[in-house]
C-alpha atoms as a PDB file:
ATOM      1  CA  UNK A   1      42.725  24.039 -31.610  1.00  0.00           C
ATOM      2  CA  UNK A   2      39.489  22.329 -32.082  1.00  0.00           C
ATOM      3  CA  UNK A   3      36.812  22.861 -29.456  1.00  0.00           C
ATOM      4  CA  UNK A   4      33.864  20.532 -29.408  1.00  0.00           C
ATOM      5  CA  UNK A   5      30.901  21.026 -27.161  1.00  0.00           C
ATOM      6  CA  UNK A   6      28.394  18.385 -26.313  1.00  0.00           C
ATOM      7  CA  UNK A   7      25.161  18.882 -24.504  1.00  0.00           C
ATOM      8  CA  UNK A   8      23.533  16.632 -21.961  1.00  0.00           C
ATOM      9  CA  UNK A   9      21.037  15.341 -24.523  1.00  0.00           C
ATOM     10  CA  UNK A  10      23.816  14.356 -26.896  1.00  0.00           C
ATOM     11  CA  UNK A  11      25.562  12.519 -24.062  1.00  0.00           C
ATOM     12  CA  UNK A  12      22.355  10.689 -23.255  1.00  0.00           C
ATOM     13  CA  UNK A  13      21.995   9.618 -26.885  1.00  0.00           C
ATOM     14  CA  UNK A  14      25.571   8.403 -26.932  1.00  0.00           C
ATOM     15  CA  UNK A  15      24.882   5.902 -24.132  1.00  0.00           C
ATOM     16  CA  UNK A  16      22.505   3.953 -26.346  1.00  0.00           C
ATOM     17  CA  UNK A  17      19.201   5.041 -24.875  1.00  0.00           C
ATOM     18  CA  UNK A  18      16.923   7.952 -25.451  1.00  0.00           C
ATOM     19  CA  UNK A  19      14.130   9.425 -23.404  1.00  0.00           C
ATOM     20  CA  UNK A  20      11.081   9.734 -25.569  1.00  0.00           C
ATOM     21  CA  UNK A  21       7.597  10.901 -24.803  1.00  0.00           C
ATOM     22  CA  UNK A  22       6.236   7.693 -26.329  1.00  0.00           C
ATOM     23  CA  UNK A  23       7.654   5.627 -23.452  1.00  0.00           C
ATOM     24  CA  UNK A  24       6.310   8.100 -20.897  1.00  0.00           C
ATOM     25  CA  UNK A  25       2.811   7.980 -22.391  1.00  0.00           C
ATOM     26  CA  UNK A  26       2.966   4.163 -22.518  1.00  0.00           C
ATOM     27  CA  UNK A  27       3.858   4.117 -18.822  1.00  0.00           C
ATOM     28  CA  UNK A  28       1.082   6.601 -18.077  1.00  0.00           C
ATOM     29  CA  UNK A  29      -1.532   4.413 -19.771  1.00  0.00           C
ATOM     30  CA  UNK A  30      -0.276   1.275 -17.991  1.00  0.00           C
ATOM     31  CA  UNK A  31      -0.459   3.061 -14.616  1.00  0.00           C
ATOM     32  CA  UNK A  32      -3.929   4.371 -15.452  1.00  0.00           C
ATOM     33  CA  UNK A  33      -5.204   0.905 -16.407  1.00  0.00           C
ATOM     34  CA  UNK A  34      -3.843  -0.661 -13.199  1.00  0.00           C
ATOM     35  CA  UNK A  35      -5.322   2.146 -11.059  1.00  0.00           C
ATOM     36  CA  UNK A  36      -8.747   1.979 -12.717  1.00  0.00           C
ATOM     37  CA  UNK A  37      -8.763  -1.826 -12.344  1.00  0.00           C
ATOM     38  CA  UNK A  38      -7.943  -1.518  -8.624  1.00  0.00           C
ATOM     39  CA  UNK A  39     -10.624   1.117  -8.163  1.00  0.00           C
ATOM     40  CA  UNK A  40     -13.205  -0.987 -10.006  1.00  0.00           C
ATOM     41  CA  UNK A  41     -12.368  -4.031  -7.868  1.00  0.00           C
ATOM     42  CA  UNK A  42     -12.712  -1.967  -4.678  1.00  0.00           C
ATOM     43  CA  UNK A  43     -16.087  -0.540  -5.690  1.00  0.00           C
ATOM     44  CA  UNK A  44     -17.299  -3.940  -6.852  1.00  0.00           C
ATOM     45  CA  UNK A  45     -16.193  -5.485  -3.547  1.00  0.00           C
ATOM     46  CA  UNK A  46     -18.096  -2.941  -1.454  1.00  0.00           C
ATOM     47  CA  UNK A  47     -21.201  -3.425  -3.564  1.00  0.00           C
ATOM     48  CA  UNK A  48     -21.277  -7.254  -3.727  1.00  0.00           C
ATOM     49  CA  UNK A  49     -18.611  -8.865  -1.429  1.00  0.00           C
ATOM     50  CA  UNK A  50     -17.626 -11.175  -4.297  1.00  0.00           C
ATOM     51  CA  UNK A  51     -14.122 -12.077  -3.069  1.00  0.00           C
ATOM     52  CA  UNK A  52     -12.548 -12.628   0.344  1.00  0.00           C
ATOM     53  CA  UNK A  53     -11.010  -9.414   1.633  1.00  0.00           C
ATOM     54  CA  UNK A  54      -7.526 -10.911   2.125  1.00  0.00           C
ATOM     55  CA  UNK A  55      -7.428 -12.117  -1.488  1.00  0.00           C
ATOM     56  CA  UNK A  56      -8.485  -8.674  -2.678  1.00  0.00           C
ATOM     57  CA  UNK A  57      -5.802  -7.051  -0.488  1.00  0.00           C
ATOM     58  CA  UNK A  58      -3.241  -9.319  -2.163  1.00  0.00           C
ATOM     59  CA  UNK A  59      -4.422  -8.125  -5.578  1.00  0.00           C
ATOM     60  CA  UNK A  60      -4.052  -4.511  -4.414  1.00  0.00           C
ATOM     61  CA  UNK A  61      -0.518  -5.139  -3.133  1.00  0.00           C
ATOM     62  CA  UNK A  62       0.498  -6.761  -6.425  1.00  0.00           C
ATOM     63  CA  UNK A  63      -1.020  -3.867  -8.381  1.00  0.00           C
ATOM     64  CA  UNK A  64       0.739  -1.321  -6.190  1.00  0.00           C
ATOM     65  CA  UNK A  65       4.089  -3.096  -6.626  1.00  0.00           C
ATOM     66  CA  UNK A  66       3.547  -3.193 -10.392  1.00  0.00           C
ATOM     67  CA  UNK A  67       2.855   0.547 -10.416  1.00  0.00           C
ATOM     68  CA  UNK A  68       5.952   1.165  -8.280  1.00  0.00           C
ATOM     69  CA  UNK A  69       8.026  -0.860 -10.761  1.00  0.00           C
ATOM     70  CA  UNK A  70       6.813   1.188 -13.731  1.00  0.00           C
ATOM     71  CA  UNK A  71       7.344   4.489 -11.914  1.00  0.00           C
ATOM     72  CA  UNK A  72      10.862   3.556 -10.829  1.00  0.00           C
ATOM     73  CA  UNK A  73      11.785   2.100 -14.217  1.00  0.00           C
ATOM     74  CA  UNK A  74      10.551   4.958 -16.382  1.00  0.00           C
ATOM     75  CA  UNK A  75      10.441   8.147 -14.369  1.00  0.00           C
ATOM     76  CA  UNK A  76      13.550   7.494 -12.293  1.00  0.00           C
ATOM     77  CA  UNK A  77      15.300   6.175 -15.446  1.00  0.00           C
ATOM     78  CA  UNK A  78      16.376   3.010 -13.645  1.00  0.00           C
ATOM     79  CA  UNK A  79      15.472   0.913 -16.683  1.00  0.00           C
ATOM     80  CA  UNK A  80      18.527   2.289 -18.472  1.00  0.00           C
ATOM     81  CA  UNK A  81      21.026   1.666 -15.692  1.00  0.00           C
ATOM     82  CA  UNK A  82      23.401  -1.216 -15.088  1.00  0.00           C
ATOM     83  CA  UNK A  83      22.165  -4.362 -13.346  1.00  0.00           C
ATOM     84  CA  UNK A  84      24.501  -3.785 -10.389  1.00  0.00           C
ATOM     85  CA  UNK A  85      23.005  -0.354  -9.733  1.00  0.00           C
ATOM     86  CA  UNK A  86      19.498  -1.785  -9.998  1.00  0.00           C
ATOM     87  CA  UNK A  87      20.400  -4.471  -7.450  1.00  0.00           C
ATOM     88  CA  UNK A  88      22.022  -1.857  -5.202  1.00  0.00           C
ATOM     89  CA  UNK A  89      18.666  -0.074  -5.033  1.00  0.00           C
ATOM     90  CA  UNK A  90      16.367  -3.100  -5.214  1.00  0.00           C
ATOM     91  CA  UNK A  91      17.847  -5.334  -2.514  1.00  0.00           C
ATOM     92  CA  UNK A  92      17.788  -2.701   0.280  1.00  0.00           C
ATOM     93  CA  UNK A  93      14.227  -1.773  -0.719  1.00  0.00           C
ATOM     94  CA  UNK A  94      13.204  -5.422  -0.436  1.00  0.00           C
ATOM     95  CA  UNK A  95      14.941  -5.725   2.924  1.00  0.00           C
ATOM     96  CA  UNK A  96      13.142  -2.574   4.095  1.00  0.00           C
ATOM     97  CA  UNK A  97       9.778  -4.153   3.190  1.00  0.00           C
ATOM     98  CA  UNK A  98      10.779  -7.261   5.163  1.00  0.00           C
ATOM     99  CA  UNK A  99      11.780  -4.975   8.050  1.00  0.00           C
ATOM    100  CA  UNK A 100       8.345  -3.311   8.043  1.00  0.00           C
ATOM    101  CA  UNK A 101       6.542  -6.658   7.916  1.00  0.00           C
ATOM    102  CA  UNK A 102       8.630  -8.103  10.741  1.00  0.00           C
ATOM    103  CA  UNK A 103       8.018  -5.129  13.018  1.00  0.00           C
ATOM    104  CA  UNK A 104       4.271  -5.122  12.295  1.00  0.00           C
ATOM    105  CA  UNK A 105       4.130  -8.855  13.075  1.00  0.00           C
ATOM    106  CA  UNK A 106       6.098  -8.368  16.289  1.00  0.00           C
ATOM    107  CA  UNK A 107       3.972  -5.386  17.350  1.00  0.00           C
ATOM    108  CA  UNK A 108       0.775  -7.374  16.862  1.00  0.00           C
ATOM    109  CA  UNK A 109       2.236 -10.239  18.900  1.00  0.00           C
ATOM    110  CA  UNK A 110       3.162  -7.816  21.698  1.00  0.00           C
ATOM    111  CA  UNK A 111      -0.363  -6.355  21.680  1.00  0.00           C
ATOM    112  CA  UNK A 112      -1.940  -9.807  21.923  1.00  0.00           C
ATOM    113  CA  UNK A 113       0.370 -10.908  24.743  1.00  0.00           C
ATOM    114  CA  UNK A 114      -0.168  -7.641  26.627  1.00  0.00           C
ATOM    115  CA  UNK A 115      -3.936  -8.073  26.406  1.00  0.00           C
ATOM    116  CA  UNK A 116      -3.677 -11.704  27.513  1.00  0.00           C
ATOM    117  CA  UNK A 117      -1.605 -11.033  30.664  1.00  0.00           C
ATOM    118  CA  UNK A 118      -2.885  -7.572  31.612  1.00  0.00           C
ATOM    119  CA  UNK A 119      -5.185  -8.081  34.607  1.00  0.00           C
ATOM    120  CA  UNK A 120      -7.185  -4.901  33.946  1.00  0.00           C
ATOM    121  CA  UNK A 121      -7.850  -5.837  30.312  1.00  0.00           C
ATOM    122  CA  UNK A 122      -9.028  -9.340  31.271  1.00  0.00           C
ATOM    123  CA  UNK A 123     -11.373  -7.979  33.964  1.00  0.00           C
ATOM    124  CA  UNK A 124     -12.823  -5.351  31.626  1.00  0.00           C
ATOM    125  CA  UNK A 125     -13.444  -7.881  28.860  1.00  0.00           C
ATOM    126  CA  UNK A 126     -15.380 -10.203  31.212  1.00  0.00           C
ATOM    127  CA  UNK A 127     -17.553  -7.455  32.662  1.00  0.00           C
ATOM    128  CA  UNK A 128     -21.177  -7.688  31.560  1.00  0.00           C
ATOM    129  CA  UNK A 129     -23.058  -4.470  31.053  1.00  0.00           C
ATOM    130  CA  UNK A 130     -26.478  -4.660  32.690  1.00  0.00           C
ATOM    131  CA  UNK A 131     -29.239  -2.618  31.197  1.00  0.00           C
ATOM    132  CA  UNK A 132     -31.493  -0.698  33.506  1.00  0.00           C
ATOM    133  CA  UNK A 133     -34.807  -2.072  32.354  1.00  0.00           C
ATOM    134  CA  UNK A 134     -36.773  -0.630  35.257  1.00  0.00           C
ATOM    135  CA  UNK A 135     -36.074   2.947  34.208  1.00  0.00           C
ATOM    136  CA  UNK A 136     -36.988   2.219  30.592  1.00  0.00           C
ATOM    137  CA  UNK A 137     -40.376   0.795  31.568  1.00  0.00           C
ATOM    138  CA  UNK A 138     -41.279   3.826  33.677  1.00  0.00           C
ATOM    139  CA  UNK A 139     -40.497   6.222  30.840  1.00  0.00           C
ATOM    140  CA  UNK A 140     -43.255   5.792  28.331  1.00  0.00           C
ATOM    141  CA  UNK A 141     -44.358   8.479  25.939  1.00  0.00           C
ATOM    142  CA  UNK A 142     -46.784  10.816  27.655  1.00  0.00           C
ATOM    143  CA  UNK A 143     -46.066   9.437  31.136  1.00  0.00           C
ATOM    144  CA  UNK A 144     -45.524  11.833  33.970  1.00  0.00           C
ATOM    145  CA  UNK A 145     -42.155  11.789  35.693  1.00  0.00           C
END
């Protein structure tokens, strides 16, 4: 009887893909470049205000999604899987992002409507704070109380 043993690494090589350190280092450098670019844009924004904040936030979201793609593809080995498995993971993740956006939008709408129809909030926002100028004039440096 012939007994053959195969290890997990041999099985991985049989599927047509291999996990090399070259791909991991390439992913590391891509993630580092994206992160340093985002950091440089943030520092540059706080120093000069060169771009509108919403546009810069969009750049950060795109950079973060690009980093998430590289992390999922390389470190979770999703790049080597079948398209159906990728879609099984990707579509619910996209729907979850939509879910978060919808609930944030709805929560902000609720907050605005609550502030508009809440009698106490409306009264507090119209109240003018009067300064007590008389007391400030009586208190001068060196004056007796």
